[in-house]
């Protein structure tokens, strides 16, 4: 299990303590984490989806792989990143359909993603 930044700060300020309520909370969190992983294994395993990058560059392109790696190694490690990823999965199929009908949108997606990849390097 990971760590809680808030608890680390409180331990730093007041000294490390562990009450029976904290232990019970840690066990409850571990059960919750285990249940979440069982319910949504795609979040914790390699997910081949990357709709817009696949549309822009192709399924096996290095650009698509780089964006998948960013998703898996950076975004999926935080609640905010997982939420953004879920939002992306809800909206990107419609964006891809739009880009399939409009070449300027595909070109714009490619150029935007290339800029993102340059920042990620």
N, C-alpha and C. Protein backbone atom coordinates (compact mmCIF):
# COMPACT_ATOMS: atom_id res chain seq x y z
N UNK A 1 0.86 -1.17 0.00
CA UNK A 1 0.00 0.00 0.00
C UNK A 1 0.90 1.23 0.00
N UNK A 2 0.42 2.32 -0.55
CA UNK A 2 1.16 3.56 -0.62
C UNK A 2 1.19 4.28 0.71
N UNK A 3 1.34 5.57 0.66
CA UNK A 3 1.38 6.36 1.88
C UNK A 3 0.43 7.54 1.75
N UNK A 4 0.10 8.10 2.88
CA UNK A 4 -0.80 9.24 2.91
C UNK A 4 0.03 10.49 3.21
N UNK A 5 0.03 11.44 2.29
CA UNK A 5 0.82 12.66 2.48
C UNK A 5 0.37 13.42 3.73
N UNK A 6 -0.92 13.43 3.97
CA UNK A 6 -1.46 14.15 5.13
C UNK A 6 -0.94 13.52 6.43
N UNK A 7 -0.95 12.18 6.49
CA UNK A 7 -0.46 11.50 7.69
C UNK A 7 1.04 11.76 7.88
N UNK A 8 1.79 11.75 6.80
CA UNK A 8 3.22 12.04 6.92
C UNK A 8 3.46 13.42 7.51
N UNK A 9 2.68 14.40 7.07
CA UNK A 9 2.82 15.76 7.58
C UNK A 9 2.45 15.83 9.06
N UNK A 10 1.35 15.18 9.43
CA UNK A 10 0.94 15.16 10.84
C UNK A 10 1.97 14.44 11.70
N UNK A 11 2.51 13.33 11.20
CA UNK A 11 3.57 12.63 11.94
C UNK A 11 4.78 13.53 12.13
N UNK A 12 5.10 14.29 11.11
CA UNK A 12 6.24 15.20 11.19
C UNK A 12 5.99 16.27 12.26
N UNK A 13 4.78 16.80 12.30
CA UNK A 13 4.44 17.85 13.26
C UNK A 13 4.30 17.35 14.69
N UNK A 14 3.67 16.18 14.85
CA UNK A 14 3.27 15.73 16.18
C UNK A 14 3.92 14.42 16.62
N UNK A 15 4.75 13.85 15.79
CA UNK A 15 5.33 12.55 16.11
C UNK A 15 4.44 11.44 15.61
N UNK A 16 5.06 10.34 15.25
CA UNK A 16 4.31 9.21 14.70
C UNK A 16 3.55 8.50 15.81
N UNK A 17 2.27 8.36 15.64
CA UNK A 17 1.43 7.61 16.57
C UNK A 17 0.53 6.71 15.75
N UNK A 18 0.08 5.65 16.39
CA UNK A 18 -0.81 4.73 15.69
C UNK A 18 -1.85 4.24 16.68
N UNK A 19 -3.08 4.64 16.49
CA UNK A 19 -4.16 4.23 17.37
C UNK A 19 -4.85 3.01 16.77
N UNK A 20 -5.69 2.37 17.57
CA UNK A 20 -6.41 1.21 17.04
C UNK A 20 -7.37 1.63 15.93
N UNK A 21 -7.88 2.87 15.99
CA UNK A 21 -8.73 3.36 14.91
C UNK A 21 -7.95 3.51 13.61
N UNK A 22 -6.69 3.96 13.74
CA UNK A 22 -5.86 4.11 12.55
C UNK A 22 -5.56 2.75 11.93
N UNK A 23 -5.27 1.77 12.76
CA UNK A 23 -5.01 0.42 12.26
C UNK A 23 -6.25 -0.12 11.56
N UNK A 24 -7.43 0.07 12.18
CA UNK A 24 -8.67 -0.37 11.56
C UNK A 24 -8.88 0.35 10.23
N UNK A 25 -8.58 1.63 10.18
CA UNK A 25 -8.71 2.40 8.94
C UNK A 25 -7.76 1.90 7.86
N UNK A 26 -6.55 1.54 8.26
CA UNK A 26 -5.58 1.01 7.29
C UNK A 26 -6.06 -0.32 6.72
N UNK A 27 -6.64 -1.17 7.59
CA UNK A 27 -7.17 -2.45 7.11
C UNK A 27 -8.37 -2.22 6.18
N UNK A 28 -9.23 -1.27 6.54
CA UNK A 28 -10.38 -0.95 5.68
C UNK A 28 -9.91 -0.42 4.34
N UNK A 29 -8.88 0.41 4.35
CA UNK A 29 -8.34 0.95 3.10
C UNK A 29 -7.75 -0.17 2.25
N UNK A 30 -7.03 -1.09 2.87
CA UNK A 30 -6.44 -2.20 2.12
C UNK A 30 -7.55 -3.06 1.48
N UNK A 31 -8.64 -3.30 2.21
CA UNK A 31 -9.77 -4.06 1.65
C UNK A 31 -10.39 -3.29 0.48
N UNK A 32 -10.59 -1.99 0.65
CA UNK A 32 -11.16 -1.16 -0.40
C UNK A 32 -10.27 -1.19 -1.64
N UNK A 33 -8.96 -1.05 -1.45
CA UNK A 33 -8.02 -1.06 -2.56
C UNK A 33 -8.06 -2.39 -3.29
N UNK A 34 -8.10 -3.48 -2.52
CA UNK A 34 -8.17 -4.81 -3.11
C UNK A 34 -9.46 -5.00 -3.90
N UNK A 35 -10.58 -4.57 -3.33
CA UNK A 35 -11.86 -4.68 -4.03
C UNK A 35 -11.87 -3.84 -5.31
N UNK A 36 -11.29 -2.65 -5.24
CA UNK A 36 -11.25 -1.78 -6.43
C UNK A 36 -10.42 -2.40 -7.53
N UNK A 37 -9.29 -3.00 -7.17
CA UNK A 37 -8.44 -3.65 -8.18
C UNK A 37 -9.16 -4.84 -8.81
N UNK A 38 -9.90 -5.57 -8.00
CA UNK A 38 -10.63 -6.72 -8.54
C UNK A 38 -11.78 -6.27 -9.45
N UNK A 39 -12.41 -5.14 -9.11
CA UNK A 39 -13.55 -4.66 -9.88
C UNK A 39 -13.14 -4.00 -11.18
N UNK A 40 -11.97 -3.41 -11.23
CA UNK A 40 -11.52 -2.68 -12.42
C UNK A 40 -10.08 -3.03 -12.74
N UNK A 41 -9.82 -4.27 -13.17
CA UNK A 41 -8.43 -4.66 -13.42
C UNK A 41 -7.76 -3.88 -14.53
N UNK A 42 -8.53 -3.31 -15.47
CA UNK A 42 -7.91 -2.55 -16.57
C UNK A 42 -7.16 -1.33 -16.05
N UNK A 43 -7.57 -0.81 -14.91
CA UNK A 43 -6.89 0.35 -14.35
C UNK A 43 -5.51 -0.02 -13.86
N UNK A 44 -5.33 -1.26 -13.41
CA UNK A 44 -4.07 -1.66 -12.80
C UNK A 44 -3.23 -2.53 -13.71
N UNK A 45 -3.70 -2.80 -14.90
CA UNK A 45 -2.96 -3.59 -15.86
C UNK A 45 -2.75 -2.74 -17.11
N UNK A 46 -1.89 -3.20 -17.97
CA UNK A 46 -1.61 -2.49 -19.22
C UNK A 46 -2.88 -2.41 -20.06
N UNK A 47 -3.27 -1.21 -20.41
CA UNK A 47 -4.48 -0.98 -21.19
C UNK A 47 -4.07 -0.57 -22.60
N UNK A 48 -4.44 -1.33 -23.63
CA UNK A 48 -3.99 -1.00 -24.98
C UNK A 48 -4.71 0.19 -25.61
N UNK A 49 -5.80 0.66 -24.98
CA UNK A 49 -6.57 1.75 -25.58
C UNK A 49 -5.79 3.07 -25.53
N UNK A 50 -5.87 3.78 -26.60
CA UNK A 50 -5.35 5.14 -26.68
C UNK A 50 -5.96 5.72 -27.96
N UNK A 51 -7.24 6.06 -27.87
CA UNK A 51 -8.05 6.33 -29.05
C UNK A 51 -7.49 7.41 -29.97
N UNK A 52 -7.24 8.58 -29.43
CA UNK A 52 -6.85 9.71 -30.28
C UNK A 52 -5.46 9.49 -30.87
N UNK A 53 -4.53 9.00 -30.07
CA UNK A 53 -3.18 8.73 -30.59
C UNK A 53 -3.22 7.64 -31.65
N UNK A 54 -4.03 6.62 -31.43
CA UNK A 54 -4.17 5.56 -32.44
C UNK A 54 -4.74 6.13 -33.73
N UNK A 55 -5.75 6.99 -33.61
CA UNK A 55 -6.34 7.63 -34.79
C UNK A 55 -5.30 8.51 -35.49
N UNK A 56 -4.48 9.20 -34.72
CA UNK A 56 -3.54 10.17 -35.29
C UNK A 56 -2.28 9.50 -35.86
N UNK A 57 -1.76 8.47 -35.16
CA UNK A 57 -0.46 7.91 -35.55
C UNK A 57 -0.51 6.43 -35.92
N UNK A 58 -1.51 5.70 -35.45
CA UNK A 58 -1.58 4.26 -35.67
C UNK A 58 -1.39 3.52 -34.35
N UNK A 59 -1.90 2.30 -34.29
CA UNK A 59 -1.90 1.51 -33.05
C UNK A 59 -0.50 1.22 -32.52
N UNK A 60 0.45 0.92 -33.39
CA UNK A 60 1.78 0.49 -32.94
C UNK A 60 2.85 1.57 -33.09
N UNK A 61 2.45 2.79 -33.36
CA UNK A 61 3.42 3.88 -33.53
C UNK A 61 4.11 4.20 -32.20
N UNK A 62 5.36 4.63 -32.27
CA UNK A 62 6.09 4.96 -31.04
C UNK A 62 5.42 6.10 -30.28
N UNK A 63 4.79 7.03 -31.03
CA UNK A 63 4.09 8.13 -30.37
C UNK A 63 2.92 7.62 -29.52
N UNK A 64 2.19 6.66 -30.06
CA UNK A 64 1.07 6.08 -29.32
C UNK A 64 1.58 5.36 -28.08
N UNK A 65 2.66 4.60 -28.23
CA UNK A 65 3.24 3.89 -27.08
C UNK A 65 3.72 4.87 -26.01
N UNK A 66 4.30 5.99 -26.42
CA UNK A 66 4.78 6.98 -25.45
C UNK A 66 3.62 7.56 -24.64
N UNK A 67 2.53 7.84 -25.32
CA UNK A 67 1.36 8.38 -24.61
C UNK A 67 0.72 7.33 -23.71
N UNK A 68 0.71 6.07 -24.13
CA UNK A 68 0.22 5.00 -23.25
C UNK A 68 1.08 4.89 -22.00
N UNK A 69 2.38 4.97 -22.19
CA UNK A 69 3.31 4.88 -21.05
C UNK A 69 3.08 6.04 -20.08
N UNK A 70 2.86 7.25 -20.61
CA UNK A 70 2.56 8.40 -19.74
C UNK A 70 1.28 8.15 -18.95
N UNK A 71 0.26 7.64 -19.63
CA UNK A 71 -1.00 7.33 -18.95
C UNK A 71 -0.77 6.32 -17.82
N UNK A 72 -0.06 5.23 -18.12
CA UNK A 72 0.13 4.16 -17.15
C UNK A 72 1.04 4.57 -16.00
N UNK A 73 2.11 5.29 -16.30
CA UNK A 73 3.12 5.60 -15.28
C UNK A 73 2.86 6.89 -14.53
N UNK A 74 2.12 7.81 -15.12
CA UNK A 74 1.89 9.10 -14.45
C UNK A 74 0.42 9.30 -14.08
N UNK A 75 -0.45 9.24 -15.07
CA UNK A 75 -1.86 9.55 -14.80
C UNK A 75 -2.53 8.52 -13.89
N UNK A 76 -2.27 7.25 -14.12
CA UNK A 76 -2.98 6.21 -13.37
C UNK A 76 -2.49 6.05 -11.93
N UNK A 77 -1.51 6.83 -11.54
CA UNK A 77 -0.99 6.72 -10.17
C UNK A 77 -1.69 7.67 -9.19
N UNK A 78 -2.62 8.48 -9.69
CA UNK A 78 -3.33 9.39 -8.78
C UNK A 78 -4.82 9.36 -9.09
N UNK A 79 -5.61 9.72 -8.11
CA UNK A 79 -7.06 9.75 -8.30
C UNK A 79 -7.44 10.76 -9.38
N UNK A 80 -6.80 11.92 -9.36
CA UNK A 80 -7.09 12.93 -10.39
C UNK A 80 -6.76 12.39 -11.78
N UNK A 81 -5.61 11.76 -11.92
CA UNK A 81 -5.21 11.20 -13.22
C UNK A 81 -6.16 10.12 -13.69
N UNK A 82 -6.61 9.25 -12.77
CA UNK A 82 -7.57 8.21 -13.15
C UNK A 82 -8.90 8.83 -13.56
N UNK A 83 -9.31 9.89 -12.89
CA UNK A 83 -10.54 10.58 -13.27
C UNK A 83 -10.42 11.21 -14.65
N UNK A 84 -9.28 11.84 -14.92
CA UNK A 84 -9.07 12.42 -16.25
C UNK A 84 -9.05 11.35 -17.33
N UNK A 85 -8.47 10.20 -17.00
CA UNK A 85 -8.44 9.10 -17.96
C UNK A 85 -9.84 8.58 -18.24
N UNK A 86 -10.67 8.45 -17.21
CA UNK A 86 -12.06 8.03 -17.43
C UNK A 86 -12.81 9.03 -18.31
N UNK A 87 -12.60 10.32 -18.05
CA UNK A 87 -13.22 11.35 -18.87
C UNK A 87 -12.75 11.23 -20.32
N UNK A 88 -11.46 11.01 -20.50
CA UNK A 88 -10.90 10.83 -21.84
C UNK A 88 -11.57 9.66 -22.55
N UNK A 89 -11.74 8.53 -21.85
CA UNK A 89 -12.35 7.36 -22.48
C UNK A 89 -13.81 7.59 -22.84
N UNK A 90 -14.49 8.47 -22.10
CA UNK A 90 -15.88 8.78 -22.44
C UNK A 90 -15.99 9.71 -23.64
N UNK A 91 -15.05 10.63 -23.79
CA UNK A 91 -15.18 11.65 -24.83
C UNK A 91 -14.38 11.36 -26.10
N UNK A 92 -13.29 10.65 -26.00
CA UNK A 92 -12.40 10.52 -27.16
C UNK A 92 -13.00 9.73 -28.33
N UNK A 93 -13.84 8.70 -28.13
CA UNK A 93 -14.41 8.05 -29.32
C UNK A 93 -15.18 9.03 -30.21
N UNK A 94 -15.94 9.94 -29.62
CA UNK A 94 -16.67 10.92 -30.43
C UNK A 94 -15.70 11.87 -31.14
N UNK A 95 -14.63 12.25 -30.45
CA UNK A 95 -13.63 13.11 -31.08
C UNK A 95 -12.96 12.40 -32.26
N UNK A 96 -12.70 11.12 -32.11
CA UNK A 96 -12.09 10.35 -33.20
C UNK A 96 -13.03 10.25 -34.40
N UNK A 97 -14.32 10.03 -34.13
CA UNK A 97 -15.28 10.00 -35.24
C UNK A 97 -15.31 11.33 -35.97
N UNK A 98 -15.26 12.42 -35.22
CA UNK A 98 -15.24 13.75 -35.82
C UNK A 98 -13.97 13.92 -36.68
N UNK A 99 -12.83 13.51 -36.14
CA UNK A 99 -11.56 13.66 -36.87
C UNK A 99 -11.52 12.78 -38.11
N UNK A 100 -12.20 11.64 -38.07
CA UNK A 100 -12.26 10.79 -39.26
C UNK A 100 -12.98 11.47 -40.41
N UNK A 101 -13.93 12.34 -40.08
CA UNK A 101 -14.70 13.04 -41.11
C UNK A 101 -14.06 14.37 -41.51
N UNK A 102 -13.12 14.87 -40.72
CA UNK A 102 -12.53 16.19 -40.96
C UNK A 102 -11.01 16.08 -40.88
N UNK A 103 -10.37 16.14 -42.03
CA UNK A 103 -8.92 15.96 -42.06
C UNK A 103 -8.20 17.05 -41.27
N UNK A 104 -8.75 18.26 -41.22
CA UNK A 104 -8.10 19.33 -40.46
C UNK A 104 -8.07 18.98 -38.97
N UNK A 105 -9.11 18.29 -38.50
CA UNK A 105 -9.14 17.91 -37.08
C UNK A 105 -8.10 16.83 -36.79
N UNK A 106 -7.91 15.90 -37.72
CA UNK A 106 -6.88 14.86 -37.56
C UNK A 106 -5.49 15.51 -37.52
N UNK A 107 -5.27 16.45 -38.44
CA UNK A 107 -3.98 17.16 -38.49
C UNK A 107 -3.75 17.93 -37.19
N UNK A 108 -4.79 18.58 -36.70
CA UNK A 108 -4.67 19.33 -35.44
C UNK A 108 -4.37 18.39 -34.27
N UNK A 109 -5.01 17.23 -34.26
CA UNK A 109 -4.75 16.24 -33.20
C UNK A 109 -3.30 15.78 -33.26
N UNK A 110 -2.80 15.48 -34.46
CA UNK A 110 -1.42 15.05 -34.61
C UNK A 110 -0.45 16.11 -34.11
N UNK A 111 -0.65 17.34 -34.52
CA UNK A 111 0.25 18.43 -34.11
C UNK A 111 0.19 18.67 -32.61
N UNK A 112 -1.00 18.62 -32.04
CA UNK A 112 -1.13 18.82 -30.60
C UNK A 112 -0.44 17.71 -29.83
N UNK A 113 -0.65 16.46 -30.26
CA UNK A 113 -0.02 15.33 -29.57
C UNK A 113 1.49 15.36 -29.72
N UNK A 114 1.98 15.79 -30.85
CA UNK A 114 3.44 15.90 -31.02
C UNK A 114 4.01 16.91 -30.02
N UNK A 115 3.31 18.01 -29.80
CA UNK A 115 3.77 18.98 -28.79
C UNK A 115 3.74 18.36 -27.39
N UNK A 116 2.69 17.61 -27.09
CA UNK A 116 2.60 16.95 -25.78
C UNK A 116 3.75 15.97 -25.61
N UNK A 117 4.04 15.18 -26.62
CA UNK A 117 5.13 14.20 -26.55
C UNK A 117 6.47 14.89 -26.34
N UNK A 118 6.69 16.02 -26.98
CA UNK A 118 7.93 16.76 -26.78
C UNK A 118 8.08 17.21 -25.35
N UNK A 119 6.99 17.62 -24.73
CA UNK A 119 7.03 18.03 -23.32
C UNK A 119 7.32 16.84 -22.42
N UNK A 120 6.82 15.66 -22.77
CA UNK A 120 6.99 14.46 -21.95
C UNK A 120 8.40 13.90 -22.00
N UNK A 121 9.17 14.25 -22.99
CA UNK A 121 10.53 13.68 -23.13
C UNK A 121 11.44 14.12 -22.02
